Protein backbone atom coordinates (compact mmCIF):
# COMPACT_ATOMS: atom_id res chain seq x y z
CA MET A 1 96.35 113.42 96.56
CA GLY A 2 95.57 113.59 92.88
CA LEU A 3 94.25 111.38 90.12
CA VAL A 4 96.21 111.10 86.91
CA ALA A 5 96.22 108.78 83.62
CA VAL A 6 97.55 105.28 83.71
CA GLY A 7 99.02 104.79 80.68
CA GLY A 8 99.30 102.00 77.88
CA GLY A 9 96.86 100.72 75.49
CA SER A 10 93.27 100.17 76.44
CA LEU A 11 94.02 101.15 79.80
CA LEU A 12 94.80 104.66 79.41
CA SER A 13 91.96 106.67 81.50
CA ALA A 14 91.41 110.09 81.89
CA CYS A 15 90.92 111.73 85.15
CA SER A 16 87.36 110.09 86.93
CA THR A 17 84.46 112.38 88.33
CA THR A 18 84.20 110.12 90.84
CA ASP A 19 84.86 111.23 94.23
CA PRO A 20 87.58 108.86 95.57
CA GLY A 21 87.16 110.50 99.40
CA ASN A 22 82.70 109.73 99.05
CA PRO A 23 82.13 106.37 100.23
CA ALA A 24 78.30 106.86 98.59
CA SER A 25 80.19 107.51 95.32
CA VAL A 26 82.21 104.04 94.74
CA ALA A 27 80.90 100.45 94.33
CA SER A 28 81.07 97.97 97.02
CA GLY A 29 84.20 95.89 96.34
CA ILE A 30 86.97 95.79 93.74
CA GLN A 31 84.85 92.89 91.95
CA SER A 32 81.52 94.88 92.20
CA ARG A 33 83.52 97.55 90.06
CA VAL A 34 84.78 95.18 87.47
CA ASP A 35 81.74 93.65 87.02
CA ASP A 36 80.03 97.08 86.28
CA GLY A 37 82.78 98.18 83.54
CA GLU A 38 83.94 101.01 86.26
CA ALA A 39 87.69 102.06 86.29
CA ILE A 40 89.76 100.27 88.92
CA ARG A 41 91.66 103.37 91.23
CA ILE A 42 95.44 102.32 91.88
CA ALA A 43 97.11 104.20 94.18
CA ILE A 44 100.31 105.03 92.57
CA GLY A 45 103.58 107.24 94.44
CA ASN A 46 106.06 109.24 92.28
CA GLU A 47 109.03 107.33 93.05
CA PRO A 48 110.91 106.24 89.57
CA PRO A 49 111.60 103.75 88.91
CA TYR A 50 108.57 102.08 91.10
CA THR A 51 106.33 104.31 89.65
CA LYS A 52 107.03 107.32 87.60
CA LEU A 53 104.33 110.34 86.62
CA LEU A 54 105.13 111.69 83.51
CA PRO A 55 104.49 115.40 82.38
CA SER A 56 101.45 114.31 80.45
CA GLY A 57 99.83 113.38 83.64
CA GLU A 58 100.03 109.51 82.63
CA VAL A 59 101.67 107.03 85.06
CA THR A 60 104.41 104.35 84.03
CA GLY A 61 107.13 102.47 86.32
CA ALA A 62 107.74 98.98 87.09
CA ALA A 63 104.46 98.40 89.17
CA PRO A 64 101.92 99.82 87.46
CA ASP A 65 102.93 98.55 84.31
CA VAL A 66 103.02 95.19 85.85
CA ALA A 67 99.51 95.50 87.67
CA ARG A 68 98.24 97.06 84.39
CA ALA A 69 99.30 94.11 82.22
CA VAL A 70 97.81 91.68 84.55
CA LEU A 71 94.33 93.53 85.24
CA GLU A 72 94.22 93.47 81.21
CA ARG A 73 94.09 89.57 81.13
CA LEU A 74 91.17 89.47 83.68
CA GLY A 75 89.56 91.80 81.35
CA VAL A 76 90.01 95.26 83.09
CA GLN A 77 89.49 97.84 80.72
CA GLU A 78 89.99 101.36 82.62
CA VAL A 79 92.05 101.96 85.33
CA GLU A 80 92.64 105.21 87.43
CA GLY A 81 96.33 105.95 89.13
CA ILE A 82 95.52 107.91 92.29
CA THR A 83 98.89 109.89 93.89
CA THR A 84 99.54 109.42 97.17
CA PRO A 85 102.07 109.01 100.15
CA TYR A 86 103.61 106.02 101.33
CA GLU A 87 101.90 106.18 104.47
CA THR A 88 97.98 107.14 103.20
CA MET A 89 97.95 103.77 101.01
CA ILE A 90 97.02 101.34 103.35
CA PRO A 91 94.38 103.50 104.95
CA GLY A 92 93.07 104.90 101.75
CA LEU A 93 92.31 101.11 100.97
CA ASP A 94 90.48 100.10 103.66
CA ALA A 95 88.65 103.52 103.21
CA ASP A 96 87.84 102.27 99.80
CA ARG A 97 89.49 105.70 98.12
CA TRP A 98 91.28 103.30 96.19
CA ASP A 99 90.49 99.65 95.27
CA MET A 100 94.41 98.21 95.22
CA VAL A 101 98.09 99.64 95.86
CA ALA A 102 100.43 98.74 93.16
CA ALA A 103 103.18 101.35 93.88
CA GLY A 104 106.30 99.31 95.17
CA LEU A 105 104.67 99.55 98.93
CA PHE A 106 107.20 96.96 100.21
CA MET A 107 106.31 93.85 102.40
CA ASN A 108 106.62 93.73 105.89
CA GLN A 109 105.02 91.87 109.19
CA SER A 110 102.75 95.02 109.88
CA ARG A 111 101.52 95.29 106.41
CA CYS A 112 101.41 91.78 105.38
CA ALA A 113 98.89 91.64 108.83
CA GLU A 114 96.99 94.58 107.01
CA VAL A 115 96.26 93.60 103.84
CA LEU A 116 96.82 91.06 101.07
CA TYR A 117 99.71 91.07 98.86
CA THR A 118 99.88 89.17 95.81
CA SER A 119 103.03 87.05 94.71
CA PRO A 120 106.27 89.63 94.59
CA ASP A 121 106.46 91.85 91.43
CA ILE A 122 109.39 93.78 92.60
CA VAL A 123 112.63 92.82 94.63
CA SER A 124 115.02 95.54 95.30
CA THR A 125 118.13 96.84 97.24
CA GLU A 126 118.81 99.67 99.32
CA SER A 127 121.37 102.21 99.34
CA LEU A 128 122.44 105.49 101.12
CA ALA A 129 122.41 108.78 99.39
CA LEU A 130 126.12 110.72 100.96
CA PRO A 131 127.58 114.01 100.36
CA ALA A 132 130.40 113.94 97.56
CA GLY A 133 133.33 112.87 99.07
CA ASN A 134 131.34 110.84 102.35
CA PRO A 135 133.34 113.01 104.45
CA LYS A 136 131.93 111.28 107.42
CA ASN A 137 133.08 108.17 105.76
CA ILE A 138 129.32 106.42 106.05
CA GLN A 139 129.71 102.97 104.85
CA ASP A 140 127.33 100.52 106.48
CA MET A 141 123.85 100.36 108.43
CA SER A 142 126.29 99.77 111.68
CA ASP A 143 127.65 103.19 110.71
CA LEU A 144 124.32 104.57 111.33
CA LYS A 145 123.81 102.88 114.74
CA SER A 146 127.13 103.82 115.95
CA MET A 147 127.96 107.55 114.41
CA ASP A 148 126.35 110.75 115.28
CA VAL A 149 124.76 111.32 111.77
CA LYS A 150 120.90 111.64 110.93
CA VAL A 151 119.62 109.97 108.17
CA ALA A 152 116.41 110.96 106.24
CA VAL A 153 113.89 108.19 105.26
CA LEU A 154 110.39 108.59 103.94
CA ALA A 155 107.74 108.89 106.27
CA ALA A 156 105.58 105.49 107.28
CA SER A 157 108.23 103.86 104.79
CA PHE A 158 109.92 100.30 104.99
CA GLU A 159 113.48 102.09 105.66
CA LEU A 160 111.95 103.82 108.73
CA LYS A 161 110.61 100.88 110.01
CA THR A 162 113.73 98.47 109.23
CA ALA A 163 116.00 101.03 109.73
CA LYS A 164 114.36 101.24 113.08
CA SER A 165 114.67 97.36 114.13
CA LEU A 166 117.91 96.86 113.02
CA GLY A 167 118.69 99.34 116.10
CA VAL A 168 119.00 103.04 114.55
CA PRO A 169 117.91 105.25 117.01
CA GLU A 170 114.20 106.85 115.75
CA SER A 171 116.25 110.03 116.81
CA LYS A 172 118.51 109.71 113.90
CA LEU A 173 116.05 108.94 111.58
CA PRO A 174 114.07 112.37 110.11
CA THR A 175 111.34 111.76 107.86
CA TYR A 176 110.56 113.28 104.55
CA PRO A 177 107.35 113.07 102.57
CA LEU A 178 108.72 112.52 99.17
CA ALA A 179 112.29 111.54 97.82
CA PRO A 180 113.01 114.83 96.71
CA ASP A 181 112.38 116.49 99.84
CA ALA A 182 115.20 114.02 101.59
CA LEU A 183 117.62 114.77 98.91
CA GLN A 184 117.08 118.43 99.48
CA GLY A 185 117.52 117.82 102.81
CA LEU A 186 121.11 116.17 102.02
CA ASP A 187 122.07 118.94 99.60
CA ASP A 188 120.80 121.76 102.74
CA GLY A 189 123.19 119.51 105.14
CA ARG A 190 120.29 118.89 107.72
CA VAL A 191 120.72 115.43 107.26
CA ASP A 192 123.80 113.13 106.45
CA ALA A 193 122.42 110.81 104.37
CA VAL A 194 119.35 109.86 102.69
CA LEU A 195 118.34 105.83 102.99
CA LEU A 196 115.91 104.74 100.05
CA PRO A 197 116.00 101.86 97.12
CA THR A 198 118.89 101.84 95.29
CA LEU A 199 117.02 102.31 92.16
CA SER A 200 115.09 105.16 92.98
CA LEU A 201 118.58 106.88 94.52
CA ASP A 202 120.03 105.83 90.66
CA GLU A 203 116.87 107.43 88.72
CA LEU A 204 116.54 110.37 90.73
CA LYS A 205 120.00 111.54 90.26
CA LYS A 206 119.91 110.74 87.03
CA GLN A 207 116.93 112.77 86.35
CA GLN A 208 117.60 115.80 88.78
CA GLY A 209 121.34 115.20 89.03
CA GLY A 210 123.06 116.81 92.41
CA ASP A 211 126.36 116.72 94.22
CA PHE A 212 125.52 113.44 95.81
CA ILE A 213 126.73 109.61 95.33
CA VAL A 214 124.88 106.23 96.05
CA THR A 215 126.52 103.44 97.48
CA PRO A 216 126.58 99.98 96.30
CA PRO A 217 123.35 98.35 97.96
CA LEU A 218 123.84 97.39 101.75
CA ASP A 219 124.50 94.06 102.73
CA ASP A 220 123.12 94.76 105.78
CA PHE A 221 119.86 95.51 105.03
CA PRO A 222 117.32 92.67 104.86
CA LEU A 223 115.86 91.98 101.00
CA THR A 224 113.21 93.60 100.44
CA GLY A 225 109.94 93.62 97.46
CA SER A 226 106.64 94.20 96.50
CA GLY A 227 103.63 93.25 94.75
CA ALA A 228 100.04 94.28 94.43
CA ALA A 229 98.56 94.89 97.65
CA PHE A 230 94.39 94.82 98.30
CA ARG A 231 91.58 95.12 101.25
CA LYS A 232 91.41 91.57 103.05
CA SER A 233 87.64 91.94 101.93
CA ASP A 234 88.61 91.46 98.10
CA GLN A 235 90.39 88.45 98.76
CA ALA A 236 88.29 86.87 95.95
CA PHE A 237 89.91 89.20 93.19
CA ARG A 238 92.83 89.09 94.75
CA ASP A 239 92.89 85.44 94.55
CA LYS A 240 91.72 85.80 90.78
CA TYR A 241 94.60 88.26 90.29
CA ASN A 242 97.18 86.75 92.30
CA LYS A 243 96.84 83.08 89.67
CA GLU A 244 96.81 85.71 86.49
CA MET A 245 100.22 87.10 88.16
CA GLU A 246 102.17 83.95 88.81
CA ALA A 247 101.25 83.32 85.01
CA PHE A 248 101.94 86.82 83.69
CA LYS A 249 105.50 86.05 85.31
CA GLN A 250 106.39 83.50 83.32
CA THR A 251 106.01 85.60 80.00
CA PRO A 252 108.70 87.54 78.12
CA GLU A 253 106.50 90.95 78.48
CA PHE A 254 106.63 90.45 82.07
CA ASP A 255 110.59 90.17 81.81
CA GLU A 256 110.54 93.20 79.48
CA ILE A 257 109.07 95.18 82.10
CA MET A 258 111.16 94.46 84.79
CA ASN A 259 114.34 94.77 82.36
CA LYS A 260 113.21 98.20 81.25
CA TRP A 261 112.78 99.85 84.69
CA GLY A 262 116.11 98.05 85.92
CA PHE A 263 114.76 95.27 88.12
CA ASP A 264 115.46 91.18 87.98
CA PRO A 265 112.79 89.12 86.91
CA GLU A 266 114.47 86.09 88.44
CA ALA A 267 114.61 87.87 91.63
CA ALA A 268 110.86 88.49 91.24
CA ARG A 269 110.10 85.09 90.36
CA GLN A 270 112.15 83.10 92.88
CA ALA A 271 110.57 85.18 96.19
CA THR A 272 107.88 84.54 97.98
CA ILE A 273 105.58 86.19 99.80
CA LYS A 274 105.86 84.62 102.78
CA GLU A 275 110.08 85.09 102.99
CA LEU A 276 109.17 89.16 102.26
CA CYS A 277 106.41 89.22 104.83
CA ALA A 278 108.69 87.95 107.40
CA VAL A 279 110.68 91.17 107.54
CA GLU A 280 110.25 93.08 110.31
CA GLY A 281 108.70 96.09 110.56
């Protein structure tokens, strides 16, 4: 894990001296931290365009940009981004290592049973990264079930859980901690494909290059989306945040953030927590 600054306006924060792993060093509950003027600690990944770690150490991306704007409407003046793998985001939230998650942590049944999500801020599609020329002629999820292939996914990810629920054997789904690691596995020939959000693969292709192709969105993969995630014990603050979130989604600023990172703002306005939480996983 690493503490980084979440850039933008008055919410730019230097690294904190607070130890996020020491329960004695943190306030009890997010509202207490707001009342005391303490920084709100946000768990983020480094998977553009959901979250993006800049060379300066600042964090941007669709999810933290939206969270920053909504928190500012609630009077929060300081935010810290804490980078962490997806599989630790909910356990770390429960352990009070951070106060909320704003990382494109997709909703599904199991996650929605553990945390309180806000209204969706991101709705996404999924694609496959394939070697140039697609030598095994992989087209869709049914091919992943029927063919002798290995498909890289991120550990504890939405893609892993959903692929399993769609009938892809776990033995075909080797896990990697980060997207660049999975793409390295593709480049090395250890896997035949990588399953990730379409925009993540497009961004990685643009940033890092690589001799792979990105398929069109998979029609046989369920609708995916995320909102900010809070502890159940922070329901009162989550409800306040969600009210501001709903209002913010009607503003031109929300559209600007979504358009900047390649997401459809109208899709986020139309999607519901109930719909996205119904996804198996």
